[in-house]
Amino acid sequence: MTGPAPSPVRGIVDLSHPLDDGTPVYPGDPVARFTPATTIGEHGYNVLHVQMGSQTGTHVDAPYHFLEDGARIDELPLDLFLCPAVVADVRGKAPHQAITWADLAPVADRLSPGRMLVLHTGWDAHWGTDAYFDHPFLDGDAAERVVAAGVRTVALDALSLDETVLGGDPAAGFPAHLAVLGSGGVIVENLRGLDAVRSAEPLVSVLPLRIAGADGAPVRAIAFDVGV
């Protein structure tokens, strides 16, 4: 006797920002530079010289990003990067305002092992402007509760899961990063286009480049709308 057929994929949504010389980066991180190494006119073929940090654009943080003994990006199980997602609509937050556990109440009962939590802040609308650095962030208590529910992948459409303070570190440090990465989980930052996702629980892929020993890596993030 067979079970129900898997839900068909009804649409694919690109959740990744294009990478170019203008890609915003976390304060102090290497800026991205893309220059021709060879050209068809001179060499007969095109090759692009890519220079950027591991945390550039839409990317995944591995535990090693904050923990000396944490797993590197190439050591993590692939099911952290490809799993059904619970999308929490937390749009409407003010600049530098915390996303609390109360904000996650509408989806709290769906947070469980094997699920990815995606925070839809709407802050991708500010990509490429100074306002992008003034994003809302997940507070430490909420991060701890998400981890306690069994979630090991947390993603958002903003620069960082913790508060970004230009000219210095947040006074409270990086509690959300430490909660998620400390559990052996991963963090996905700089998503875009979540308003185009129609499924309540899309299948999301954030498979990173397999850079040996790295603290993180860029991804081509994609949401597969299923069952809608």
C-alpha atoms as a PDB file:
ATOM      1  CA  MET A   1       0.000   0.000   0.000  1.00  0.00           C
ATOM      2  CA  THR A   2       1.481   3.309  -1.008  1.00  0.00           C
ATOM      3  CA  GLY A   3       1.109   6.669   0.654  1.00  0.00           C
ATOM      4  CA  PRO A   4      -0.112   9.893  -0.933  1.00  0.00           C
ATOM      5  CA  ALA A   5       1.790  11.218  -3.915  1.00  0.00           C
ATOM      6  CA  PRO A   6       4.218  14.047  -3.135  1.00  0.00           C
ATOM      7  CA  SER A   7       2.902  17.568  -3.659  1.00  0.00           C
ATOM      8  CA  PRO A   8       3.762  18.847  -7.134  1.00  0.00           C
ATOM      9  CA  VAL A   9       6.010  21.849  -7.588  1.00  0.00           C
ATOM     10  CA  ARG A  10       3.795  24.683  -8.836  1.00  0.00           C
ATOM     11  CA  GLY A  11       6.405  27.423  -9.062  1.00  0.00           C
ATOM     12  CA  ILE A  12      10.050  28.299  -8.454  1.00  0.00           C
ATOM     13  CA  VAL A  13      11.024  31.594  -6.823  1.00  0.00           C
ATOM     14  CA  ASP A  14      14.579  32.940  -6.930  1.00  0.00           C
ATOM     15  CA  LEU A  15      15.436  34.234  -3.451  1.00  0.00           C
ATOM     16  CA  SER A  16      18.972  35.397  -4.310  1.00  0.00           C
ATOM     17  CA  HIS A  17      20.354  38.871  -4.908  1.00  0.00           C
ATOM     18  CA  PRO A  18      22.559  39.311  -7.996  1.00  0.00           C
ATOM     19  CA  LEU A  19      26.249  39.644  -7.152  1.00  0.00           C
ATOM     20  CA  ASP A  20      28.101  42.658  -8.534  1.00  0.00           C
ATOM     21  CA  ASP A  21      30.537  45.372  -7.479  1.00  0.00           C
ATOM     22  CA  GLY A  22      27.736  47.222  -5.685  1.00  0.00           C
ATOM     23  CA  THR A  23      26.715  44.296  -3.440  1.00  0.00           C
ATOM     24  CA  PRO A  24      26.253  45.563   0.147  1.00  0.00           C
ATOM     25  CA  VAL A  25      28.451  43.826   2.704  1.00  0.00           C
ATOM     26  CA  TYR A  26      28.525  43.729   6.490  1.00  0.00           C
ATOM     27  CA  PRO A  27      30.644  46.625   7.822  1.00  0.00           C
ATOM     28  CA  GLY A  28      34.321  45.644   7.624  1.00  0.00           C
ATOM     29  CA  ASP A  29      33.814  42.660   5.290  1.00  0.00           C
ATOM     30  CA  PRO A  30      35.643  42.516   1.942  1.00  0.00           C
ATOM     31  CA  VAL A  31      33.820  44.274  -0.869  1.00  0.00           C
ATOM     32  CA  ALA A  32      32.975  42.287  -3.995  1.00  0.00           C
ATOM     33  CA  ARG A  33      34.885  42.891  -7.203  1.00  0.00           C
ATOM     34  CA  PHE A  34      34.246  41.223 -10.566  1.00  0.00           C
ATOM     35  CA  THR A  35      36.701  41.899 -13.385  1.00  0.00           C
ATOM     36  CA  PRO A  36      37.444  40.120 -16.672  1.00  0.00           C
ATOM     37  CA  ALA A  37      40.452  37.810 -16.450  1.00  0.00           C
ATOM     38  CA  THR A  38      40.239  36.895 -20.128  1.00  0.00           C
ATOM     39  CA  THR A  39      38.011  38.000 -23.003  1.00  0.00           C
ATOM     40  CA  ILE A  40      36.887  36.405 -26.227  1.00  0.00           C
ATOM     41  CA  GLY A  41      38.399  39.285 -28.189  1.00  0.00           C
ATOM     42  CA  GLU A  42      41.879  38.881 -26.694  1.00  0.00           C
ATOM     43  CA  HIS A  43      42.046  35.242 -25.592  1.00  0.00           C
ATOM     44  CA  GLY A  44      39.231  33.476 -27.398  1.00  0.00           C
ATOM     45  CA  TYR A  45      37.158  32.799 -24.263  1.00  0.00           C
ATOM     46  CA  ASN A  46      35.669  34.650 -21.284  1.00  0.00           C
ATOM     47  CA  VAL A  47      36.740  34.058 -17.668  1.00  0.00           C
ATOM     48  CA  LEU A  48      35.688  36.312 -14.824  1.00  0.00           C
ATOM     49  CA  HIS A  49      37.982  37.084 -11.890  1.00  0.00           C
ATOM     50  CA  VAL A  50      35.807  36.916  -8.751  1.00  0.00           C
ATOM     51  CA  GLN A  51      37.006  38.548  -5.525  1.00  0.00           C
ATOM     52  CA  MET A  52      34.707  38.571  -2.474  1.00  0.00           C
ATOM     53  CA  GLY A  53      34.324  37.463   1.126  1.00  0.00           C
ATOM     54  CA  SER A  54      32.656  34.259   2.244  1.00  0.00           C
ATOM     55  CA  GLN A  55      29.716  36.277   3.641  1.00  0.00           C
ATOM     56  CA  THR A  56      28.913  38.153   0.430  1.00  0.00           C
ATOM     57  CA  GLY A  57      25.400  38.521  -0.959  1.00  0.00           C
ATOM     58  CA  THR A  58      22.860  35.787  -0.283  1.00  0.00           C
ATOM     59  CA  HIS A  59      24.906  33.396   1.833  1.00  0.00           C
ATOM     60  CA  VAL A  60      24.953  30.798   4.615  1.00  0.00           C
ATOM     61  CA  ASP A  61      26.816  31.082   7.927  1.00  0.00           C
ATOM     62  CA  ALA A  62      28.374  27.889   9.304  1.00  0.00           C
ATOM     63  CA  PRO A  63      28.999  27.411  13.051  1.00  0.00           C
ATOM     64  CA  TYR A  64      32.707  28.172  12.457  1.00  0.00           C
ATOM     65  CA  HIS A  65      31.694  31.768  11.644  1.00  0.00           C
ATOM     66  CA  PHE A  66      31.444  32.407  15.415  1.00  0.00           C
ATOM     67  CA  LEU A  67      32.796  29.257  17.073  1.00  0.00           C
ATOM     68  CA  GLU A  68      36.459  28.198  16.870  1.00  0.00           C
ATOM     69  CA  ASP A  69      35.518  24.533  17.155  1.00  0.00           C
ATOM     70  CA  GLY A  70      32.362  24.874  15.053  1.00  0.00           C
ATOM     71  CA  ALA A  71      31.704  22.900  11.898  1.00  0.00           C
ATOM     72  CA  ARG A  72      32.918  24.389   8.627  1.00  0.00           C
ATOM     73  CA  ILE A  73      30.564  24.875   5.701  1.00  0.00           C
ATOM     74  CA  ASP A  74      31.805  21.736   3.903  1.00  0.00           C
ATOM     75  CA  GLU A  75      31.326  19.572   7.005  1.00  0.00           C
ATOM     76  CA  LEU A  76      27.608  20.183   7.518  1.00  0.00           C
ATOM     77  CA  PRO A  77      24.806  17.763   6.550  1.00  0.00           C
ATOM     78  CA  LEU A  78      23.048  18.734   3.357  1.00  0.00           C
ATOM     79  CA  ASP A  79      19.590  18.464   4.917  1.00  0.00           C
ATOM     80  CA  LEU A  80      20.284  21.768   6.697  1.00  0.00           C
ATOM     81  CA  PHE A  81      20.269  23.432   3.281  1.00  0.00           C
ATOM     82  CA  LEU A  82      17.279  21.745   1.634  1.00  0.00           C
ATOM     83  CA  CYS A  83      14.122  21.428   3.711  1.00  0.00           C
ATOM     84  CA  PRO A  84      10.515  22.580   4.069  1.00  0.00           C
ATOM     85  CA  ALA A  85      10.284  26.116   5.390  1.00  0.00           C
ATOM     86  CA  VAL A  86       7.938  27.910   7.729  1.00  0.00           C
ATOM     87  CA  VAL A  87       7.657  31.528   6.588  1.00  0.00           C
ATOM     88  CA  ALA A  88       6.960  34.026   9.387  1.00  0.00           C
ATOM     89  CA  ASP A  89       5.537  37.336   8.170  1.00  0.00           C
ATOM     90  CA  VAL A  90       7.237  39.923  10.384  1.00  0.00           C
ATOM     91  CA  ARG A  91       6.931  42.842   7.999  1.00  0.00           C
ATOM     92  CA  GLY A  92       6.167  46.245   9.472  1.00  0.00           C
ATOM     93  CA  LYS A  93       9.008  46.287  11.984  1.00  0.00           C
ATOM     94  CA  ALA A  94      10.742  49.620  12.512  1.00  0.00           C
ATOM     95  CA  PRO A  95      14.474  50.113  11.882  1.00  0.00           C
ATOM     96  CA  HIS A  96      16.568  48.305  14.515  1.00  0.00           C
ATOM     97  CA  GLN A  97      13.437  46.792  16.092  1.00  0.00           C
ATOM     98  CA  ALA A  98      13.658  43.304  17.568  1.00  0.00           C
ATOM     99  CA  ILE A  99      11.642  40.356  16.271  1.00  0.00           C
ATOM    100  CA  THR A 100      10.412  38.642  19.430  1.00  0.00           C
ATOM    101  CA  TRP A 101       8.917  35.268  20.257  1.00  0.00           C
ATOM    102  CA  ALA A 102       5.499  36.942  20.356  1.00  0.00           C
ATOM    103  CA  ASP A 103       5.986  37.921  16.695  1.00  0.00           C
ATOM    104  CA  LEU A 104       6.540  34.245  15.868  1.00  0.00           C
ATOM    105  CA  ALA A 105       3.413  33.056  17.710  1.00  0.00           C
ATOM    106  CA  PRO A 106       1.385  32.534  14.489  1.00  0.00           C
ATOM    107  CA  VAL A 107       3.898  29.913  13.272  1.00  0.00           C
ATOM    108  CA  ALA A 108       5.281  28.601  16.569  1.00  0.00           C
ATOM    109  CA  ASP A 109       3.292  25.351  16.450  1.00  0.00           C
ATOM    110  CA  ARG A 110       4.848  24.501  13.063  1.00  0.00           C
ATOM    111  CA  LEU A 111       8.449  24.906  14.174  1.00  0.00           C
ATOM    112  CA  SER A 112      10.008  21.474  14.498  1.00  0.00           C
ATOM    113  CA  PRO A 113      13.119  19.452  13.593  1.00  0.00           C
ATOM    114  CA  GLY A 114      13.721  19.342   9.863  1.00  0.00           C
ATOM    115  CA  ARG A 115      12.010  22.682   9.223  1.00  0.00           C
ATOM    116  CA  MET A 116      13.646  25.947   8.196  1.00  0.00           C
ATOM    117  CA  LEU A 117      12.385  29.190   9.737  1.00  0.00           C
ATOM    118  CA  VAL A 118      12.285  32.032   7.214  1.00  0.00           C
ATOM    119  CA  LEU A 119      11.751  35.546   8.566  1.00  0.00           C
ATOM    120  CA  HIS A 120      10.008  37.726   5.986  1.00  0.00           C
ATOM    121  CA  THR A 121      10.950  41.243   7.097  1.00  0.00           C
ATOM    122  CA  GLY A 122      10.486  42.939   3.723  1.00  0.00           C
ATOM    123  CA  TRP A 123      13.834  44.644   4.237  1.00  0.00           C
ATOM    124  CA  ASP A 124      15.108  43.513   0.848  1.00  0.00           C
ATOM    125  CA  ALA A 125      13.243  46.555  -0.504  1.00  0.00           C
ATOM    126  CA  HIS A 126      16.123  48.634   0.927  1.00  0.00           C
ATOM    127  CA  TRP A 127      18.892  46.643  -0.802  1.00  0.00           C
ATOM    128  CA  GLY A 128      21.614  48.975  -2.062  1.00  0.00           C
ATOM    129  CA  THR A 129      20.643  51.888   0.209  1.00  0.00           C
ATOM    130  CA  ASP A 130      21.893  53.061   3.598  1.00  0.00           C
ATOM    131  CA  ALA A 131      18.580  51.952   5.124  1.00  0.00           C
ATOM    132  CA  TYR A 132      19.510  48.326   4.462  1.00  0.00           C
ATOM    133  CA  PHE A 133      21.865  48.455   7.460  1.00  0.00           C
ATOM    134  CA  ASP A 134      19.011  49.547   9.789  1.00  0.00           C
ATOM    135  CA  HIS A 135      17.174  46.227   9.546  1.00  0.00           C
ATOM    136  CA  PRO A 136      15.095  44.517  12.247  1.00  0.00           C
ATOM    137  CA  PHE A 137      16.700  41.523  13.941  1.00  0.00           C
ATOM    138  CA  LEU A 138      15.843  38.368  15.886  1.00  0.00           C
ATOM    139  CA  ASP A 139      16.256  38.814  19.631  1.00  0.00           C
ATOM    140  CA  GLY A 140      18.234  36.302  21.675  1.00  0.00           C
ATOM    141  CA  ASP A 141      15.274  34.865  23.569  1.00  0.00           C
ATOM    142  CA  ALA A 142      13.342  34.202  20.368  1.00  0.00           C
ATOM    143  CA  ALA A 143      16.411  32.569  18.807  1.00  0.00           C
ATOM    144  CA  GLU A 144      16.794  30.289  21.831  1.00  0.00           C
ATOM    145  CA  ARG A 145      13.130  29.256  21.600  1.00  0.00           C
ATOM    146  CA  VAL A 146      13.392  28.562  17.887  1.00  0.00           C
ATOM    147  CA  VAL A 147      16.398  26.317  18.535  1.00  0.00           C
ATOM    148  CA  ALA A 148      14.583  24.622  21.431  1.00  0.00           C
ATOM    149  CA  ALA A 149      11.774  23.752  18.987  1.00  0.00           C
ATOM    150  CA  GLY A 150      14.315  21.793  16.958  1.00  0.00           C
ATOM    151  CA  VAL A 151      14.901  24.237  14.097  1.00  0.00           C
ATOM    152  CA  ARG A 152      18.485  24.288  12.861  1.00  0.00           C
ATOM    153  CA  THR A 153      18.208  26.579   9.822  1.00  0.00           C
ATOM    154  CA  VAL A 154      17.086  30.194  10.211  1.00  0.00           C
ATOM    155  CA  ALA A 155      16.916  32.567   7.245  1.00  0.00           C
ATOM    156  CA  LEU A 156      15.882  36.171   6.628  1.00  0.00           C
ATOM    157  CA  ASP A 157      15.733  38.849   3.939  1.00  0.00           C
ATOM    158  CA  ALA A 158      18.064  41.268   5.748  1.00  0.00           C
ATOM    159  CA  LEU A 159      21.780  41.824   6.287  1.00  0.00           C
ATOM    160  CA  SER A 160      22.146  39.958   9.576  1.00  0.00           C
ATOM    161  CA  LEU A 161      20.153  37.876  12.048  1.00  0.00           C
ATOM    162  CA  ASP A 162      21.515  40.155  14.801  1.00  0.00           C
ATOM    163  CA  GLU A 163      21.380  43.936  14.933  1.00  0.00           C
ATOM    164  CA  THR A 164      23.854  45.834  12.741  1.00  0.00           C
ATOM    165  CA  VAL A 165      25.317  48.963  14.294  1.00  0.00           C
ATOM    166  CA  LEU A 166      27.476  51.036  11.953  1.00  0.00           C
ATOM    167  CA  GLY A 167      30.742  52.047  13.573  1.00  0.00           C
ATOM    168  CA  GLY A 168      30.704  49.329  16.221  1.00  0.00           C
ATOM    169  CA  ASP A 169      29.363  46.018  17.445  1.00  0.00           C
ATOM    170  CA  PRO A 170      25.866  45.753  18.928  1.00  0.00           C
ATOM    171  CA  ALA A 171      25.914  46.399  22.667  1.00  0.00           C
ATOM    172  CA  ALA A 172      24.265  43.026  23.243  1.00  0.00           C
ATOM    173  CA  GLY A 173      26.705  41.132  21.020  1.00  0.00           C
ATOM    174  CA  PHE A 174      25.428  38.413  18.676  1.00  0.00           C
ATOM    175  CA  PRO A 175      22.951  36.345  20.717  1.00  0.00           C
ATOM    176  CA  ALA A 176      20.898  35.096  17.761  1.00  0.00           C
ATOM    177  CA  HIS A 177      23.980  33.943  15.872  1.00  0.00           C
ATOM    178  CA  LEU A 178      25.355  32.197  18.937  1.00  0.00           C
ATOM    179  CA  ALA A 179      22.044  30.456  19.658  1.00  0.00           C
ATOM    180  CA  VAL A 180      21.593  29.069  16.144  1.00  0.00           C
ATOM    181  CA  LEU A 181      25.230  28.348  15.301  1.00  0.00           C
ATOM    182  CA  GLY A 182      25.849  27.025  18.817  1.00  0.00           C
ATOM    183  CA  SER A 183      23.191  24.373  18.205  1.00  0.00           C
ATOM    184  CA  GLY A 184      25.056  23.168  15.128  1.00  0.00           C
ATOM    185  CA  GLY A 185      22.669  25.050  12.870  1.00  0.00           C
ATOM    186  CA  VAL A 186      23.128  27.529  10.050  1.00  0.00           C
ATOM    187  CA  ILE A 187      21.943  31.053   9.247  1.00  0.00           C
ATOM    188  CA  VAL A 188      20.927  32.314   5.816  1.00  0.00           C
ATOM    189  CA  GLU A 189      21.124  36.072   5.223  1.00  0.00           C
ATOM    190  CA  ASN A 190      20.266  38.505   2.415  1.00  0.00           C
ATOM    191  CA  LEU A 191      17.331  36.657   0.886  1.00  0.00           C
ATOM    192  CA  ARG A 192      15.014  38.542  -1.454  1.00  0.00           C
ATOM    193  CA  GLY A 193      11.632  38.143  -3.114  1.00  0.00           C
ATOM    194  CA  LEU A 194       9.771  36.332  -0.354  1.00  0.00           C
ATOM    195  CA  ASP A 195       6.570  38.156  -1.273  1.00  0.00           C
ATOM    196  CA  ALA A 196       6.466  36.017  -4.440  1.00  0.00           C
ATOM    197  CA  VAL A 197       6.317  32.761  -2.451  1.00  0.00           C
ATOM    198  CA  ARG A 198       2.729  31.476  -2.383  1.00  0.00           C
ATOM    199  CA  SER A 199       3.047  28.202  -0.483  1.00  0.00           C
ATOM    200  CA  ALA A 200       2.566  28.238   3.303  1.00  0.00           C
ATOM    201  CA  GLU A 201       5.441  25.781   3.612  1.00  0.00           C
ATOM    202  CA  PRO A 202       7.659  25.973   0.517  1.00  0.00           C
ATOM    203  CA  LEU A 203      10.589  23.679  -0.029  1.00  0.00           C
ATOM    204  CA  VAL A 204      13.659  25.919   0.183  1.00  0.00           C
ATOM    205  CA  SER A 205      17.138  25.217  -1.133  1.00  0.00           C
ATOM    206  CA  VAL A 206      20.104  27.225   0.182  1.00  0.00           C
ATOM    207  CA  LEU A 207      22.883  24.882  -0.909  1.00  0.00           C
ATOM    208  CA  PRO A 208      26.249  26.665  -0.476  1.00  0.00           C
ATOM    209  CA  LEU A 209      29.454  26.444  -2.437  1.00  0.00           C
ATOM    210  CA  ARG A 210      31.587  23.621  -1.026  1.00  0.00           C
ATOM    211  CA  ILE A 211      34.522  25.782   0.100  1.00  0.00           C
ATOM    212  CA  ALA A 212      36.843  23.663   2.222  1.00  0.00           C
ATOM    213  CA  GLY A 213      37.228  24.908   5.796  1.00  0.00           C
ATOM    214  CA  ALA A 214      35.119  28.030   5.273  1.00  0.00           C
ATOM    215  CA  ASP A 215      32.991  29.925   7.802  1.00  0.00           C
ATOM    216  CA  GLY A 216      30.233  30.352   5.206  1.00  0.00           C
ATOM    217  CA  ALA A 217      29.586  30.582   1.495  1.00  0.00           C
ATOM    218  CA  PRO A 218      27.374  32.272  -1.098  1.00  0.00           C
ATOM    219  CA  VAL A 219      24.256  30.396  -2.179  1.00  0.00           C
ATOM    220  CA  ARG A 220      21.680  30.462  -4.975  1.00  0.00           C
ATOM    221  CA  ALA A 221      18.615  30.400  -2.738  1.00  0.00           C
ATOM    222  CA  ILE A 222      15.426  29.033  -4.291  1.00  0.00           C
ATOM    223  CA  ALA A 223      11.914  28.411  -2.990  1.00  0.00           C
ATOM    224  CA  PHE A 224       9.789  25.688  -4.568  1.00  0.00           C
ATOM    225  CA  ASP A 225       6.076  26.399  -4.164  1.00  0.00           C
ATOM    226  CA  VAL A 226       4.363  23.083  -3.465  1.00  0.00           C
ATOM    227  CA  GLY A 227       0.749  22.146  -3.008  1.00  0.00           C
ATOM    228  CA  VAL A 228      -0.719  25.538  -3.941  1.00  0.00           C
END
